[in-house]
Protein backbone atom coordinates (compact mmCIF):
# COMPACT_ATOMS: atom_id res chain seq x y z
CA UNK A 1 -5.58 -28.51 -16.04
CA UNK A 2 -6.92 -27.84 -12.56
CA UNK A 3 -9.91 -25.69 -11.71
CA UNK A 4 -9.24 -23.01 -9.13
CA UNK A 5 -11.17 -20.21 -7.47
CA UNK A 6 -9.61 -16.91 -6.42
CA UNK A 7 -10.89 -14.28 -4.05
CA UNK A 8 -10.51 -10.56 -4.63
CA UNK A 9 -10.33 -7.58 -2.37
CA UNK A 10 -11.13 -4.23 -3.94
CA UNK A 11 -12.57 -1.01 -2.53
CA UNK A 12 -12.50 -0.18 1.13
CA UNK A 13 -15.75 -0.97 2.89
CA UNK A 14 -17.10 -3.71 0.64
CA UNK A 15 -14.48 -6.44 1.00
CA UNK A 16 -16.41 -8.25 3.75
CA UNK A 17 -19.57 -8.61 1.65
CA UNK A 18 -18.10 -9.06 -1.83
CA UNK A 19 -19.22 -12.35 -3.35
CA UNK A 20 -15.93 -14.09 -3.93
CA UNK A 21 -14.30 -13.11 -0.64
CA UNK A 22 -11.52 -15.29 0.74
CA UNK A 23 -13.80 -16.97 3.28
CA UNK A 24 -16.43 -17.76 0.63
CA UNK A 25 -13.94 -19.31 -1.78
CA UNK A 26 -12.04 -21.20 0.92
CA UNK A 27 -15.26 -23.01 1.86
CA UNK A 28 -16.23 -23.47 -1.79
CA UNK A 29 -12.85 -24.99 -2.68
CA UNK A 30 -13.03 -27.37 0.27
CA UNK A 31 -16.61 -28.46 -0.59
CA UNK A 32 -15.89 -28.91 -4.30
CA UNK A 33 -12.41 -30.41 -3.91
CA UNK A 34 -10.76 -27.83 -6.13
CA UNK A 35 -7.75 -25.57 -5.89
CA UNK A 36 -7.86 -22.36 -3.92
CA UNK A 37 -5.80 -19.58 -5.49
CA UNK A 38 -4.15 -17.23 -3.03
CA UNK A 39 -3.29 -14.03 -4.90
CA UNK A 40 -0.81 -11.84 -3.05
CA UNK A 41 -2.34 -8.72 -4.57
CA UNK A 42 -5.89 -9.46 -3.52
CA UNK A 43 -5.75 -9.23 0.26
CA UNK A 44 -5.85 -6.41 2.76
CA UNK A 45 -2.44 -4.72 3.16
CA UNK A 46 -2.12 -6.13 6.69
CA UNK A 47 -2.75 -9.73 5.58
CA UNK A 48 0.02 -12.08 4.50
CA UNK A 49 -0.52 -15.19 2.39
CA UNK A 50 2.09 -17.03 4.47
CA UNK A 51 -0.32 -16.89 7.40
CA UNK A 52 -3.01 -18.63 5.33
CA UNK A 53 -0.98 -21.44 3.75
CA UNK A 54 -0.79 -23.91 6.63
CA UNK A 55 -4.42 -23.40 7.63
CA UNK A 56 -5.71 -23.85 4.06
CA UNK A 57 -3.46 -26.88 3.54
CA UNK A 58 -5.20 -28.72 6.37
CA UNK A 59 -8.36 -28.99 4.25
CA UNK A 60 -7.07 -28.78 0.66
CA UNK A 61 -4.93 -31.26 -1.26
CA UNK A 62 -3.32 -28.55 -3.39
CA UNK A 63 -3.02 -24.76 -3.40
CA UNK A 64 -2.36 -22.33 -6.23
CA UNK A 65 -0.30 -19.21 -5.51
CA UNK A 66 -0.43 -16.08 -7.63
CA UNK A 67 2.80 -14.40 -6.61
CA UNK A 68 2.91 -10.73 -7.43
CA UNK A 69 3.77 -7.41 -5.84
CA UNK A 70 0.54 -5.84 -4.67
CA UNK A 71 -0.28 -2.36 -5.89
CA UNK A 72 -3.87 -2.69 -4.62
CA UNK A 73 -5.62 -1.29 -7.72
CA UNK A 74 -3.48 -3.13 -10.26
CA UNK A 75 -1.70 -5.88 -8.43
CA UNK A 76 0.30 -7.64 -11.12
CA UNK A 77 3.74 -6.13 -10.81
CA UNK A 78 7.29 -7.45 -10.77
CA UNK A 79 8.10 -9.68 -7.82
CA UNK A 80 10.53 -8.17 -5.34
CA UNK A 81 12.46 -10.25 -2.83
CA UNK A 82 10.72 -8.53 0.05
CA UNK A 83 9.55 -9.77 3.45
CA UNK A 84 6.23 -11.05 2.06
CA UNK A 85 7.97 -13.26 -0.52
CA UNK A 86 10.61 -14.48 1.93
CA UNK A 87 7.98 -15.31 4.56
CA UNK A 88 5.81 -17.13 2.04
CA UNK A 89 8.77 -19.19 0.77
CA UNK A 90 9.77 -20.02 4.34
CA UNK A 91 6.22 -21.20 5.12
CA UNK A 92 6.12 -23.37 1.97
CA UNK A 93 9.36 -25.07 2.97
CA UNK A 94 8.88 -25.31 6.73
CA UNK A 95 5.33 -26.70 6.39
CA UNK A 96 6.46 -29.11 3.63
CA UNK A 97 3.99 -27.65 1.12
CA UNK A 98 6.20 -27.35 -1.97
CA UNK A 99 4.94 -30.62 -3.44
CA UNK A 100 1.32 -29.54 -2.99
CA UNK A 101 1.60 -25.96 -4.22
CA UNK A 102 1.49 -24.58 -7.74
CA UNK A 103 3.44 -21.31 -7.89
CA UNK A 104 2.34 -18.86 -10.57
CA UNK A 105 4.35 -15.68 -11.06
CA UNK A 106 3.26 -12.34 -12.46
CA UNK A 107 5.43 -9.88 -14.36
CA UNK A 108 3.27 -7.05 -15.66
CA UNK A 109 4.93 -3.66 -15.52
CA UNK A 110 4.74 -1.55 -18.66
CA UNK A 111 7.49 0.79 -17.44
CA UNK A 112 10.28 -1.78 -17.86
CA UNK A 113 11.31 -4.50 -20.28
CA UNK A 114 8.93 -7.47 -20.09
CA UNK A 115 11.92 -9.79 -20.41
CA UNK A 116 13.67 -8.11 -17.49
CA UNK A 117 10.46 -8.28 -15.44
CA UNK A 118 10.18 -12.00 -16.17
CA UNK A 119 13.83 -12.77 -15.37
CA UNK A 120 14.07 -10.60 -12.26
CA UNK A 121 10.77 -11.84 -10.84
CA UNK A 122 11.58 -15.49 -11.47
CA UNK A 123 15.03 -15.15 -9.94
CA UNK A 124 13.60 -13.42 -6.87
CA UNK A 125 11.15 -16.28 -6.32
CA UNK A 126 13.97 -18.81 -6.79
CA UNK A 127 16.17 -16.90 -4.34
CA UNK A 128 13.41 -16.79 -1.74
CA UNK A 129 12.87 -20.56 -2.04
CA UNK A 130 16.62 -21.24 -1.93
CA UNK A 131 16.99 -19.13 1.22
CA UNK A 132 14.13 -21.07 2.83
CA UNK A 133 15.57 -24.43 1.76
CA UNK A 134 18.93 -23.50 3.32
CA UNK A 135 17.41 -22.77 6.73
CA UNK A 136 18.42 -25.45 9.28
CA UNK A 137 14.80 -26.25 10.17
CA UNK A 138 15.69 -29.33 12.25
CA UNK A 139 17.48 -27.16 14.82
CA UNK A 140 14.54 -24.76 14.96
CA UNK A 141 12.10 -27.65 15.44
CA UNK A 142 14.24 -29.09 18.24
CA UNK A 143 14.14 -25.78 20.09
CA UNK A 144 10.37 -25.53 19.51
CA UNK A 145 9.77 -29.07 20.79
CA UNK A 146 11.89 -28.37 23.88
CA UNK A 147 9.89 -25.15 24.48
CA UNK A 148 13.20 -23.27 24.33
CA UNK A 149 11.82 -20.12 22.77
CA UNK A 150 14.96 -18.11 23.55
CA UNK A 151 17.06 -20.51 21.47
CA UNK A 152 14.41 -20.48 18.73
CA UNK A 153 14.43 -16.67 18.57
CA UNK A 154 18.23 -16.53 18.64
CA UNK A 155 18.53 -19.08 15.82
CA UNK A 156 15.81 -17.40 13.76
CA UNK A 157 17.71 -14.12 13.86
CA UNK A 158 21.18 -15.62 13.37
CA UNK A 159 20.05 -17.72 10.39
CA UNK A 160 19.31 -14.47 8.56
CA UNK A 161 23.08 -13.94 8.23
CA UNK A 162 23.86 -17.32 6.64
CA UNK A 163 25.88 -17.06 3.38
CA UNK A 164 22.98 -17.30 0.96
CA UNK A 165 24.58 -15.11 -1.74
CA UNK A 166 27.57 -17.42 -2.23
CA UNK A 167 25.29 -20.40 -2.77
CA UNK A 168 23.11 -18.46 -5.25
CA UNK A 169 26.22 -17.43 -7.20
CA UNK A 170 27.43 -21.03 -7.33
CA UNK A 171 23.99 -22.17 -8.51
CA UNK A 172 24.07 -19.58 -11.31
CA UNK A 173 27.63 -20.53 -12.25
CA UNK A 174 26.75 -24.23 -12.49
CA UNK A 175 23.64 -23.33 -14.54
CA UNK A 176 25.70 -21.06 -16.82
CA UNK A 177 23.62 -18.03 -15.85
CA UNK A 178 24.79 -14.49 -15.05
CA UNK A 179 25.10 -13.33 -11.46
CA UNK A 180 24.96 -9.92 -9.85
CA UNK A 181 25.15 -6.92 -12.13
CA UNK A 182 26.22 -9.18 -15.00
CA UNK A 183 22.50 -9.79 -15.41
CA UNK A 184 22.09 -6.26 -16.82
CA UNK A 185 24.53 -6.95 -19.67
CA UNK A 186 22.83 -10.25 -20.45
CA UNK A 187 19.37 -8.67 -20.54
CA UNK A 188 20.57 -5.77 -22.71
CA UNK A 189 22.21 -8.20 -25.11
CA UNK A 190 19.05 -10.32 -25.33
CA UNK A 191 16.84 -7.26 -25.91
CA UNK A 192 19.14 -6.07 -28.70
CA UNK A 193 19.02 -9.48 -30.43
CA UNK A 194 15.23 -9.66 -30.18
CA UNK A 195 14.80 -6.07 -31.42
CA UNK A 196 17.01 -6.82 -34.45
CA UNK A 197 14.65 -9.65 -35.47
CA UNK A 198 11.65 -7.28 -35.55
């Protein structure tokens, strides 16, 4: 068990003076040598956790992530594979933070099956990490070191078209897990079996 502190952002106008703001808990975690929890649902809509990871990692041994889809008033919703998740996964991989980061996922959404929320959210986080792990970071770093920002930009954009889907499908096949829309049948079958036990 690790102790962690987590900031919150609620209500426009008071976030800067709320006890438990990000800045307060960042300093507290550094002073006390404990984990800082970065909750994707507890920051201003224009903030991105990916921007905070490398800076926080300079002063903290470990970081806890609460990965969710922010809804602002109730932030714990099913994880989508959106730009925020992809950027965060890329930062974890490119800054070599995977070994120092605890990734906690959230799946609350009463409008859909809890099992589906769990499976879809977990798979989306796995897909984001896989996409980041497949990025040829050495080539990007070479362009950065050479101050060739045109090459870096070109590669960054071209890497978005790499065949990620084929690799995900192969991973699922080797793990004996459904891919694509076959997931719907598997989830329906599981739900039916669980409902029959009740």
